[in-house]
PDB file of all heavy atoms in Angstrom:
ATOM      1  N   THR A   1      -8.913  14.708  -6.491  1.00  0.00           N
ATOM      2  CA  THR A   1      -8.281  13.386  -6.563  1.00  0.00           C
ATOM      3  C   THR A   1      -9.013  12.571  -7.614  1.00  0.00           C
ATOM      4  O   THR A   1     -10.246  12.470  -7.590  1.00  0.00           O
ATOM      5  CB  THR A   1      -8.347  12.647  -5.217  1.00  0.00           C
ATOM      6  OG1 THR A   1      -7.735  13.455  -4.208  1.00  0.00           O
ATOM      7  CG2 THR A   1      -7.626  11.310  -5.305  1.00  0.00           C
ATOM      8  N   PHE A   2      -8.254  11.991  -8.524  1.00  0.00           N
ATOM      9  CA  PHE A   2      -8.820  11.171  -9.588  1.00  0.00           C
ATOM     10  C   PHE A   2      -8.808   9.701  -9.189  1.00  0.00           C
ATOM     11  O   PHE A   2      -7.828   9.209  -8.647  1.00  0.00           O
ATOM     12  CB  PHE A   2      -8.029  11.350 -10.887  1.00  0.00           C
ATOM     13  CG  PHE A   2      -8.236  12.696 -11.522  1.00  0.00           C
ATOM     14  CD1 PHE A   2      -7.459  13.777 -11.160  1.00  0.00           C
ATOM     15  CD2 PHE A   2      -9.224  12.876 -12.476  1.00  0.00           C
ATOM     16  CE1 PHE A   2      -7.661  15.025 -11.726  1.00  0.00           C
ATOM     17  CE2 PHE A   2      -9.439  14.116 -13.058  1.00  0.00           C
ATOM     18  CZ  PHE A   2      -8.655  15.198 -12.686  1.00  0.00           C
ATOM     19  N   ILE A   3      -9.908   9.026  -9.470  1.00  0.00           N
ATOM     20  CA  ILE A   3      -9.990   7.582  -9.281  1.00  0.00           C
ATOM     21  C   ILE A   3      -9.896   6.963 -10.663  1.00  0.00           C
ATOM     22  O   ILE A   3     -10.731   7.218 -11.540  1.00  0.00           O
ATOM     23  CB  ILE A   3     -11.300   7.183  -8.577  1.00  0.00           C
ATOM     24  CG1 ILE A   3     -11.376   7.890  -7.219  1.00  0.00           C
ATOM     25  CG2 ILE A   3     -11.382   5.676  -8.420  1.00  0.00           C
ATOM     26  CD1 ILE A   3     -12.760   7.958  -6.635  1.00  0.00           C
ATOM     27  N   ALA A   4      -8.853   6.193 -10.877  1.00  0.00           N
ATOM     28  CA  ALA A   4      -8.598   5.611 -12.195  1.00  0.00           C
ATOM     29  C   ALA A   4      -8.060   4.201 -11.993  1.00  0.00           C
ATOM     30  O   ALA A   4      -7.958   3.709 -10.868  1.00  0.00           O
ATOM     31  CB  ALA A   4      -7.604   6.479 -12.974  1.00  0.00           C
ATOM     32  N   ARG A   5      -7.704   3.547 -13.090  1.00  0.00           N
ATOM     33  CA  ARG A   5      -7.175   2.181 -12.996  1.00  0.00           C
ATOM     34  C   ARG A   5      -6.186   1.933 -14.130  1.00  0.00           C
ATOM     35  O   ARG A   5      -6.130   2.674 -15.097  1.00  0.00           O
ATOM     36  CB  ARG A   5      -8.317   1.165 -13.030  1.00  0.00           C
ATOM     37  CG  ARG A   5      -9.172   1.263 -14.256  1.00  0.00           C
ATOM     38  CD  ARG A   5     -10.401   0.388 -14.158  1.00  0.00           C
ATOM     39  NE  ARG A   5     -11.263   0.634 -15.315  1.00  0.00           N
ATOM     40  CZ  ARG A   5     -12.501   0.220 -15.418  1.00  0.00           C
ATOM     41  NH1 ARG A   5     -13.042  -0.478 -14.449  1.00  0.00           N
ATOM     42  NH2 ARG A   5     -13.211   0.487 -16.485  1.00  0.00           N
ATOM     43  N   GLY A   6      -5.430   0.873 -13.970  1.00  0.00           N
ATOM     44  CA  GLY A   6      -4.540   0.393 -15.024  1.00  0.00           C
ATOM     45  C   GLY A   6      -3.502   1.399 -15.465  1.00  0.00           C
ATOM     46  O   GLY A   6      -2.965   2.183 -14.674  1.00  0.00           O
ATOM     47  N   ALA A   7      -3.227   1.356 -16.776  1.00  0.00           N
ATOM     48  CA  ALA A   7      -2.183   2.209 -17.351  1.00  0.00           C
ATOM     49  C   ALA A   7      -2.507   3.686 -17.210  1.00  0.00           C
ATOM     50  O   ALA A   7      -1.612   4.525 -17.059  1.00  0.00           O
ATOM     51  CB  ALA A   7      -1.981   1.851 -18.827  1.00  0.00           C
ATOM     52  N   HIS A   8      -3.791   4.029 -17.243  1.00  0.00           N
ATOM     53  CA  HIS A   8      -4.195   5.437 -17.100  1.00  0.00           C
ATOM     54  C   HIS A   8      -3.815   5.951 -15.710  1.00  0.00           C
ATOM     55  O   HIS A   8      -3.227   7.032 -15.578  1.00  0.00           O
ATOM     56  CB  HIS A   8      -5.701   5.550 -17.348  1.00  0.00           C
ATOM     57  CG  HIS A   8      -6.207   6.949 -17.512  1.00  0.00           C
ATOM     58  ND1 HIS A   8      -5.630   7.877 -18.361  1.00  0.00           N
ATOM     59  CD2 HIS A   8      -7.270   7.580 -16.935  1.00  0.00           C
ATOM     60  CE1 HIS A   8      -6.306   9.018 -18.296  1.00  0.00           C
ATOM     61  NE2 HIS A   8      -7.307   8.855 -17.436  1.00  0.00           N
ATOM     62  N   LEU A   9      -4.106   5.166 -14.686  1.00  0.00           N
ATOM     63  CA  LEU A   9      -3.730   5.535 -13.317  1.00  0.00           C
ATOM     64  C   LEU A   9      -2.216   5.660 -13.195  1.00  0.00           C
ATOM     65  O   LEU A   9      -1.704   6.643 -12.639  1.00  0.00           O
ATOM     66  CB  LEU A   9      -4.261   4.504 -12.328  1.00  0.00           C
ATOM     67  CG  LEU A   9      -3.799   4.658 -10.877  1.00  0.00           C
ATOM     68  CD1 LEU A   9      -4.240   5.987 -10.289  1.00  0.00           C
ATOM     69  CD2 LEU A   9      -4.309   3.486 -10.038  1.00  0.00           C
ATOM     70  N   ASP A  10      -1.491   4.686 -13.715  1.00  0.00           N
ATOM     71  CA  ASP A  10      -0.025   4.709 -13.634  1.00  0.00           C
ATOM     72  C   ASP A  10       0.539   5.962 -14.288  1.00  0.00           C
ATOM     73  O   ASP A  10       1.447   6.600 -13.749  1.00  0.00           O
ATOM     74  CB  ASP A  10       0.572   3.463 -14.298  1.00  0.00           C
ATOM     75  CG  ASP A  10       0.239   2.182 -13.548  1.00  0.00           C
ATOM     76  OD1 ASP A  10      -0.134   2.269 -12.354  1.00  0.00           O
ATOM     77  OD2 ASP A  10       0.322   1.101 -14.161  1.00  0.00           O
ATOM     78  N   ALA A  11      -0.012   6.329 -15.449  1.00  0.00           N
ATOM     79  CA  ALA A  11       0.489   7.498 -16.171  1.00  0.00           C
ATOM     80  C   ALA A  11       0.187   8.792 -15.405  1.00  0.00           C
ATOM     81  O   ALA A  11       1.025   9.694 -15.342  1.00  0.00           O
ATOM     82  CB  ALA A  11      -0.122   7.552 -17.566  1.00  0.00           C
ATOM     83  N   ILE A  12      -1.018   8.896 -14.815  1.00  0.00           N
ATOM     84  CA  ILE A  12      -1.361  10.097 -14.042  1.00  0.00           C
ATOM     85  C   ILE A  12      -0.435  10.217 -12.841  1.00  0.00           C
ATOM     86  O   ILE A  12       0.064  11.314 -12.527  1.00  0.00           O
ATOM     87  CB  ILE A  12      -2.833  10.068 -13.602  1.00  0.00           C
ATOM     88  CG1 ILE A  12      -3.767  10.158 -14.820  1.00  0.00           C
ATOM     89  CG2 ILE A  12      -3.137  11.211 -12.632  1.00  0.00           C
ATOM     90  CD1 ILE A  12      -5.227   9.905 -14.498  1.00  0.00           C
ATOM     91  N   ARG A  13      -0.180   9.114 -12.159  1.00  0.00           N
ATOM     92  CA  ARG A  13       0.719   9.157 -11.000  1.00  0.00           C
ATOM     93  C   ARG A  13       2.134   9.541 -11.409  1.00  0.00           C
ATOM     94  O   ARG A  13       2.830  10.271 -10.706  1.00  0.00           O
ATOM     95  CB  ARG A  13       0.741   7.798 -10.319  1.00  0.00           C
ATOM     96  CG  ARG A  13      -0.477   7.510  -9.477  1.00  0.00           C
ATOM     97  CD  ARG A  13      -0.402   6.124  -8.909  1.00  0.00           C
ATOM     98  NE  ARG A  13      -1.365   5.902  -7.837  1.00  0.00           N
ATOM     99  CZ  ARG A  13      -1.690   4.706  -7.386  1.00  0.00           C
ATOM    100  NH1 ARG A  13      -1.117   3.610  -7.888  1.00  0.00           N
ATOM    101  NH2 ARG A  13      -2.577   4.574  -6.422  1.00  0.00           N
ATOM    102  N   ARG A  14       2.588   9.020 -12.545  1.00  0.00           N
ATOM    103  CA  ARG A  14       3.972   9.230 -12.981  1.00  0.00           C
ATOM    104  C   ARG A  14       4.166  10.613 -13.612  1.00  0.00           C
ATOM    105  O   ARG A  14       5.134  11.314 -13.304  1.00  0.00           O
ATOM    106  CB  ARG A  14       4.357   8.126 -13.960  1.00  0.00           C
ATOM    107  CG  ARG A  14       5.822   8.121 -14.370  1.00  0.00           C
ATOM    108  CD  ARG A  14       6.165   6.902 -15.228  1.00  0.00           C
ATOM    109  NE  ARG A  14       5.285   6.747 -16.378  1.00  0.00           N
ATOM    110  CZ  ARG A  14       4.338   5.795 -16.509  1.00  0.00           C
ATOM    111  NH1 ARG A  14       4.146   4.908 -15.563  1.00  0.00           N
ATOM    112  NH2 ARG A  14       3.586   5.733 -17.589  1.00  0.00           N
ATOM    113  N   ASN A  15       3.270  10.988 -14.523  1.00  0.00           N
ATOM    114  CA  ASN A  15       3.487  12.190 -15.335  1.00  0.00           C
ATOM    115  C   ASN A  15       2.447  13.283 -15.146  1.00  0.00           C
ATOM    116  O   ASN A  15       2.545  14.335 -15.770  1.00  0.00           O
ATOM    117  CB  ASN A  15       3.512  11.820 -16.824  1.00  0.00           C
ATOM    118  CG  ASN A  15       4.558  10.775 -17.138  1.00  0.00           C
ATOM    119  OD1 ASN A  15       5.678  10.862 -16.665  1.00  0.00           O
ATOM    120  ND2 ASN A  15       4.175   9.773 -17.917  1.00  0.00           N
ATOM    121  N   GLY A  16       1.407  13.031 -14.352  1.00  0.00           N
ATOM    122  CA  GLY A  16       0.312  13.988 -14.246  1.00  0.00           C
ATOM    123  C   GLY A  16      -0.706  13.736 -15.342  1.00  0.00           C
ATOM    124  O   GLY A  16      -0.620  12.749 -16.086  1.00  0.00           O
ATOM    125  N   LEU A  17      -1.661  14.616 -15.448  1.00  0.00           N
ATOM    126  CA  LEU A  17      -2.732  14.511 -16.444  1.00  0.00           C
ATOM    127  C   LEU A  17      -2.568  15.616 -17.471  1.00  0.00           C
ATOM    128  O   LEU A  17      -2.549  16.799 -17.122  1.00  0.00           O
ATOM    129  CB  LEU A  17      -4.095  14.615 -15.769  1.00  0.00           C
ATOM    130  CG  LEU A  17      -5.309  14.476 -16.686  1.00  0.00           C
ATOM    131  CD1 LEU A  17      -5.440  13.036 -17.192  1.00  0.00           C
ATOM    132  CD2 LEU A  17      -6.583  14.890 -15.950  1.00  0.00           C
ATOM    133  N   GLN A  18      -2.430  15.240 -18.728  1.00  0.00           N
ATOM    134  CA  GLN A  18      -2.313  16.195 -19.823  1.00  0.00           C
ATOM    135  C   GLN A  18      -3.666  16.283 -20.517  1.00  0.00           C
ATOM    136  O   GLN A  18      -4.227  15.254 -20.904  1.00  0.00           O
ATOM    137  CB  GLN A  18      -1.248  15.735 -20.825  1.00  0.00           C
ATOM    138  CG  GLN A  18      -1.141  16.579 -22.077  1.00  0.00           C
ATOM    139  CD  GLN A  18      -0.633  17.992 -21.783  1.00  0.00           C
ATOM    140  OE1 GLN A  18       0.247  18.171 -20.936  1.00  0.00           O
ATOM    141  NE2 GLN A  18      -1.189  18.983 -22.474  1.00  0.00           N
ATOM    142  N   VAL A  19      -4.189  17.491 -20.658  1.00  0.00           N
ATOM    143  CA  VAL A  19      -5.443  17.701 -21.380  1.00  0.00           C
ATOM    144  C   VAL A  19      -5.142  18.526 -22.617  1.00  0.00           C
ATOM    145  O   VAL A  19      -4.673  19.666 -22.527  1.00  0.00           O
ATOM    146  CB  VAL A  19      -6.494  18.407 -20.503  1.00  0.00           C
ATOM    147  CG1 VAL A  19      -7.770  18.656 -21.300  1.00  0.00           C
ATOM    148  CG2 VAL A  19      -6.800  17.569 -19.258  1.00  0.00           C
ATOM    149  N   ASN A  20      -5.396  17.925 -23.769  1.00  0.00           N
ATOM    150  CA  ASN A  20      -5.235  18.611 -25.048  1.00  0.00           C
ATOM    151  C   ASN A  20      -6.632  19.002 -25.522  1.00  0.00           C
ATOM    152  O   ASN A  20      -7.477  18.148 -25.761  1.00  0.00           O
ATOM    153  CB  ASN A  20      -4.548  17.702 -26.070  1.00  0.00           C
ATOM    154  CG  ASN A  20      -3.170  17.283 -25.604  1.00  0.00           C
ATOM    155  OD1 ASN A  20      -2.465  18.056 -24.962  1.00  0.00           O
ATOM    156  ND2 ASN A  20      -2.785  16.061 -25.898  1.00  0.00           N
ATOM    157  N   SER A  21      -6.867  20.304 -25.628  1.00  0.00           N
ATOM    158  CA  SER A  21      -8.213  20.805 -25.909  1.00  0.00           C
ATOM    159  C   SER A  21      -8.199  21.822 -27.031  1.00  0.00           C
ATOM    160  O   SER A  21      -7.225  22.564 -27.194  1.00  0.00           O
ATOM    161  CB  SER A  21      -8.784  21.448 -24.638  1.00  0.00           C
ATOM    162  OG  SER A  21      -9.984  22.139 -24.905  1.00  0.00           O
ATOM    163  N   VAL A  22      -9.301  21.878 -27.769  1.00  0.00           N
ATOM    164  CA  VAL A  22      -9.442  22.900 -28.804  1.00  0.00           C
ATOM    165  C   VAL A  22      -9.456  24.299 -28.181  1.00  0.00           C
ATOM    166  O   VAL A  22      -9.222  25.285 -28.871  1.00  0.00           O
ATOM    167  CB  VAL A  22     -10.718  22.666 -29.649  1.00  0.00           C
ATOM    168  CG1 VAL A  22     -10.618  21.372 -30.434  1.00  0.00           C
ATOM    169  CG2 VAL A  22     -11.973  22.683 -28.785  1.00  0.00           C
ATOM    170  N   ALA A  23      -9.714  24.371 -26.872  1.00  0.00           N
ATOM    171  CA  ALA A  23      -9.749  25.658 -26.175  1.00  0.00           C
ATOM    172  C   ALA A  23      -8.401  26.004 -25.540  1.00  0.00           C
ATOM    173  O   ALA A  23      -8.268  27.054 -24.924  1.00  0.00           O
ATOM    174  CB  ALA A  23     -10.832  25.649 -25.107  1.00  0.00           C
ATOM    175  N   GLY A  24      -7.417  25.103 -25.683  1.00  0.00           N
ATOM    176  CA  GLY A  24      -6.110  25.330 -25.071  1.00  0.00           C
ATOM    177  C   GLY A  24      -5.700  24.158 -24.202  1.00  0.00           C
ATOM    178  O   GLY A  24      -6.515  23.625 -23.451  1.00  0.00           O
ATOM    179  N   ASP A  25      -4.462  23.746 -24.322  1.00  0.00           N
ATOM    180  CA  ASP A  25      -3.956  22.590 -23.583  1.00  0.00           C
ATOM    181  C   ASP A  25      -3.536  22.999 -22.172  1.00  0.00           C
ATOM    182  O   ASP A  25      -3.173  24.150 -21.923  1.00  0.00           O
ATOM    183  CB  ASP A  25      -2.738  21.994 -24.298  1.00  0.00           C
ATOM    184  CG  ASP A  25      -3.044  21.583 -25.729  1.00  0.00           C
ATOM    185  OD1 ASP A  25      -4.234  21.448 -26.075  1.00  0.00           O
ATOM    186  OD2 ASP A  25      -2.087  21.398 -26.500  1.00  0.00           O
ATOM    187  N   PHE A  26      -3.590  22.032 -21.260  1.00  0.00           N
ATOM    188  CA  PHE A  26      -3.066  22.272 -19.919  1.00  0.00           C
ATOM    189  C   PHE A  26      -2.628  20.954 -19.302  1.00  0.00           C
ATOM    190  O   PHE A  26      -2.995  19.867 -19.745  1.00  0.00           O
ATOM    191  CB  PHE A  26      -4.080  23.006 -19.034  1.00  0.00           C
ATOM    192  CG  PHE A  26      -5.355  22.249 -18.762  1.00  0.00           C
ATOM    193  CD1 PHE A  26      -5.483  21.430 -17.655  1.00  0.00           C
ATOM    194  CD2 PHE A  26      -6.445  22.391 -19.609  1.00  0.00           C
ATOM    195  CE1 PHE A  26      -6.658  20.744 -17.393  1.00  0.00           C
ATOM    196  CE2 PHE A  26      -7.637  21.717 -19.358  1.00  0.00           C
ATOM    197  CZ  PHE A  26      -7.743  20.886 -18.252  1.00  0.00           C
ATOM    198  N   HIS A  27      -1.813  21.071 -18.258  1.00  0.00           N
ATOM    199  CA  HIS A  27      -1.241  19.915 -17.578  1.00  0.00           C
ATOM    200  C   HIS A  27      -1.385  20.122 -16.077  1.00  0.00           C
ATOM    201  O   HIS A  27      -1.139  21.219 -15.570  1.00  0.00           O
ATOM    202  CB  HIS A  27       0.244  19.774 -17.960  1.00  0.00           C
ATOM    203  CG  HIS A  27       0.912  18.604 -17.311  1.00  0.00           C
ATOM    204  ND1 HIS A  27       1.627  18.716 -16.140  1.00  0.00           N
ATOM    205  CD2 HIS A  27       0.977  17.298 -17.664  1.00  0.00           C
ATOM    206  CE1 HIS A  27       2.103  17.525 -15.803  1.00  0.00           C
ATOM    207  NE2 HIS A  27       1.723  16.650 -16.701  1.00  0.00           N
ATOM    208  N   VAL A  28      -1.828  19.075 -15.383  1.00  0.00           N
ATOM    209  CA  VAL A  28      -1.941  19.134 -13.921  1.00  0.00           C
ATOM    210  C   VAL A  28      -1.284  17.905 -13.319  1.00  0.00           C
ATOM    211  O   VAL A  28      -1.117  16.879 -13.988  1.00  0.00           O
ATOM    212  CB  VAL A  28      -3.414  19.235 -13.452  1.00  0.00           C
ATOM    213  CG1 VAL A  28      -4.021  20.564 -13.857  1.00  0.00           C
ATOM    214  CG2 VAL A  28      -4.247  18.081 -13.975  1.00  0.00           C
ATOM    215  N   ARG A  29      -0.894  18.030 -12.077  1.00  0.00           N
ATOM    216  CA  ARG A  29      -0.316  16.897 -11.340  1.00  0.00           C
ATOM    217  C   ARG A  29      -1.200  16.602 -10.133  1.00  0.00           C
ATOM    218  O   ARG A  29      -0.837  16.926  -8.994  1.00  0.00           O
ATOM    219  CB  ARG A  29       1.117  17.200 -10.920  1.00  0.00           C
ATOM    220  CG  ARG A  29       2.085  17.202 -12.088  1.00  0.00           C
ATOM    221  CD  ARG A  29       3.516  17.073 -11.595  1.00  0.00           C
ATOM    222  NE  ARG A  29       4.409  16.741 -12.684  1.00  0.00           N
ATOM    223  CZ  ARG A  29       4.696  15.528 -13.090  1.00  0.00           C
ATOM    224  NH1 ARG A  29       4.153  14.492 -12.490  1.00  0.00           N
ATOM    225  NH2 ARG A  29       5.516  15.308 -14.089  1.00  0.00           N
ATOM    226  N   PRO A  30      -2.357  15.989 -10.371  1.00  0.00           N
ATOM    227  CA  PRO A  30      -3.295  15.740  -9.277  1.00  0.00           C
ATOM    228  C   PRO A  30      -2.967  14.460  -8.515  1.00  0.00           C
ATOM    229  O   PRO A  30      -2.162  13.642  -8.946  1.00  0.00           O
ATOM    230  CB  PRO A  30      -4.627  15.576 -10.021  1.00  0.00           C
ATOM    231  CG  PRO A  30      -4.208  14.897 -11.289  1.00  0.00           C
ATOM    232  CD  PRO A  30      -2.877  15.519 -11.655  1.00  0.00           C
ATOM    233  N   LYS A  31      -3.638  14.297  -7.390  1.00  0.00           N
ATOM    234  CA  LYS A  31      -3.586  13.027  -6.685  1.00  0.00           C
ATOM    235  C   LYS A  31      -4.418  12.026  -7.470  1.00  0.00           C
ATOM    236  O   LYS A  31      -5.397  12.394  -8.119  1.00  0.00           O
ATOM    237  CB  LYS A  31      -4.139  13.188  -5.270  1.00  0.00           C
ATOM    238  CG  LYS A  31      -3.321  14.116  -4.381  1.00  0.00           C
ATOM    239  CD  LYS A  31      -4.006  14.390  -3.071  1.00  0.00           C
ATOM    240  CE  LYS A  31      -5.087  15.423  -3.307  1.00  0.00           C
ATOM    241  NZ  LYS A  31      -5.707  15.914  -2.059  1.00  0.00           N
ATOM    242  N   ALA A  32      -4.026  10.755  -7.412  1.00  0.00           N
ATOM    243  CA  ALA A  32      -4.762   9.711  -8.129  1.00  0.00           C
ATOM    244  C   ALA A  32      -4.644   8.399  -7.373  1.00  0.00           C
ATOM    245  O   ALA A  32      -3.601   8.091  -6.797  1.00  0.00           O
ATOM    246  CB  ALA A  32      -4.218   9.554  -9.548  1.00  0.00           C
ATOM    247  N   THR A  33      -5.725   7.634  -7.388  1.00  0.00           N
ATOM    248  CA  THR A  33      -5.768   6.350  -6.704  1.00  0.00           C
ATOM    249  C   THR A  33      -6.755   5.432  -7.406  1.00  0.00           C
ATOM    250  O   THR A  33      -7.610   5.897  -8.165  1.00  0.00           O
ATOM    251  CB  THR A  33      -6.178   6.532  -5.222  1.00  0.00           C
ATOM    252  OG1 THR A  33      -6.166   5.272  -4.570  1.00  0.00           O
ATOM    253  CG2 THR A  33      -7.576   7.132  -5.108  1.00  0.00           C
ATOM    254  N   ALA A  34      -6.655   4.144  -7.140  1.00  0.00           N
ATOM    255  CA  ALA A  34      -7.640   3.181  -7.619  1.00  0.00           C
ATOM    256  C   ALA A  34      -8.691   2.902  -6.552  1.00  0.00           C
ATOM    257  O   ALA A  34      -9.722   2.291  -6.843  1.00  0.00           O
ATOM    258  CB  ALA A  34      -6.957   1.880  -8.028  1.00  0.00           C
ATOM    259  N   ASP A  35      -8.452   3.357  -5.329  1.00  0.00           N
ATOM    260  CA  ASP A  35      -9.285   2.990  -4.193  1.00  0.00           C
ATOM    261  C   ASP A  35      -9.947   4.212  -3.560  1.00  0.00           C
ATOM    262  O   ASP A  35      -9.286   4.995  -2.873  1.00  0.00           O
ATOM    263  CB  ASP A  35      -8.420   2.274  -3.147  1.00  0.00           C
ATOM    264  CG  ASP A  35      -9.209   1.778  -1.957  1.00  0.00           C
ATOM    265  OD1 ASP A  35     -10.454   1.894  -1.961  1.00  0.00           O
ATOM    266  OD2 ASP A  35      -8.574   1.265  -1.029  1.00  0.00           O
ATOM    267  N   PRO A  36     -11.266   4.382  -3.748  1.00  0.00           N
ATOM    268  CA  PRO A  36     -11.948   5.529  -3.151  1.00  0.00           C
ATOM    269  C   PRO A  36     -11.806   5.595  -1.627  1.00  0.00           C
ATOM    270  O   PRO A  36     -11.813   6.691  -1.058  1.00  0.00           O
ATOM    271  CB  PRO A  36     -13.413   5.308  -3.543  1.00  0.00           C
ATOM    272  CG  PRO A  36     -13.361   4.468  -4.776  1.00  0.00           C
ATOM    273  CD  PRO A  36     -12.164   3.579  -4.590  1.00  0.00           C
ATOM    274  N   ALA A  37     -11.649   4.459  -0.976  1.00  0.00           N
ATOM    275  CA  ALA A  37     -11.517   4.449   0.489  1.00  0.00           C
ATOM    276  C   ALA A  37     -10.260   5.181   0.948  1.00  0.00           C
ATOM    277  O   ALA A  37     -10.183   5.625   2.103  1.00  0.00           O
ATOM    278  CB  ALA A  37     -11.520   3.017   1.013  1.00  0.00           C
ATOM    279  N   MET A  38      -9.271   5.323   0.082  1.00  0.00           N
ATOM    280  CA  MET A  38      -8.035   6.034   0.426  1.00  0.00           C
ATOM    281  C   MET A  38      -8.247   7.548   0.499  1.00  0.00           C
ATOM    282  O   MET A  38      -7.397   8.267   1.031  1.00  0.00           O
ATOM    283  CB  MET A  38      -6.938   5.730  -0.606  1.00  0.00           C
ATOM    284  CG  MET A  38      -6.559   4.259  -0.687  1.00  0.00           C
ATOM    285  SD  MET A  38      -5.842   3.629   0.840  1.00  0.00           S
ATOM    286  CE  MET A  38      -4.310   4.535   0.878  1.00  0.00           C
ATOM    287  N   ILE A  39      -9.386   8.027  -0.025  1.00  0.00           N
ATOM    288  CA  ILE A  39      -9.637   9.471  -0.082  1.00  0.00           C
ATOM    289  C   ILE A  39     -10.454   9.942   1.108  1.00  0.00           C
ATOM    290  O   ILE A  39     -10.159  10.959   1.713  1.00  0.00           O
ATOM    291  CB  ILE A  39     -10.368   9.832  -1.400  1.00  0.00           C
ATOM    292  CG1 ILE A  39      -9.553   9.369  -2.606  1.00  0.00           C
ATOM    293  CG2 ILE A  39     -10.644  11.332  -1.468  1.00  0.00           C
ATOM    294  CD1 ILE A  39     -10.307   9.421  -3.917  1.00  0.00           C
ATOM    295  N   GLY A  40     -11.511   9.213   1.435  1.00  0.00           N
ATOM    296  CA  GLY A  40     -12.413   9.631   2.504  1.00  0.00           C
ATOM    297  C   GLY A  40     -13.467  10.592   1.978  1.00  0.00           C
ATOM    298  O   GLY A  40     -13.504  10.916   0.789  1.00  0.00           O
ATOM    299  N   PRO A  41     -14.349  11.087   2.859  1.00  0.00           N
ATOM    300  CA  PRO A  41     -15.444  11.956   2.425  1.00  0.00           C
ATOM    301  C   PRO A  41     -14.955  13.238   1.766  1.00  0.00           C
ATOM    302  O   PRO A  41     -13.973  13.840   2.205  1.00  0.00           O
ATOM    303  CB  PRO A  41     -16.197  12.255   3.725  1.00  0.00           C
ATOM    304  CG  PRO A  41     -15.866  11.113   4.622  1.00  0.00           C
ATOM    305  CD  PRO A  41     -14.447  10.737   4.282  1.00  0.00           C
ATOM    306  N   VAL A  42     -15.656  13.635   0.717  1.00  0.00           N
ATOM    307  CA  VAL A  42     -15.351  14.857  -0.028  1.00  0.00           C
ATOM    308  C   VAL A  42     -16.613  15.708  -0.128  1.00  0.00           C
ATOM    309  O   VAL A  42     -17.713  15.258   0.197  1.00  0.00           O
ATOM    310  CB  VAL A  42     -14.811  14.536  -1.441  1.00  0.00           C
ATOM    311  CG1 VAL A  42     -13.483  13.791  -1.364  1.00  0.00           C
ATOM    312  CG2 VAL A  42     -15.827  13.742  -2.260  1.00  0.00           C
ATOM    313  N   GLU A  43     -16.448  16.927  -0.595  1.00  0.00           N
ATOM    314  CA  GLU A  43     -17.605  17.807  -0.794  1.00  0.00           C
ATOM    315  C   GLU A  43     -18.343  17.488  -2.083  1.00  0.00           C
ATOM    316  O   GLU A  43     -19.558  17.623  -2.158  1.00  0.00           O
ATOM    317  CB  GLU A  43     -17.150  19.265  -0.822  1.00  0.00           C
ATOM    318  CG  GLU A  43     -16.590  19.751   0.495  1.00  0.00           C
ATOM    319  CD  GLU A  43     -15.941  21.103   0.350  1.00  0.00           C
ATOM    320  OE1 GLU A  43     -16.686  22.093   0.217  1.00  0.00           O
ATOM    321  OE2 GLU A  43     -14.692  21.160   0.342  1.00  0.00           O
TER     322      GLU A  43
END
């Protein structure tokens, strides 16, 4: 789960996260929030 804010958070929620890399591009559709309390304890 990604913790983000503003337009970046909105874009991840709407379209997922696009990573353009010299090693190869990929796209994921992760969970995203502005509030860590919405996630709870993690490993």
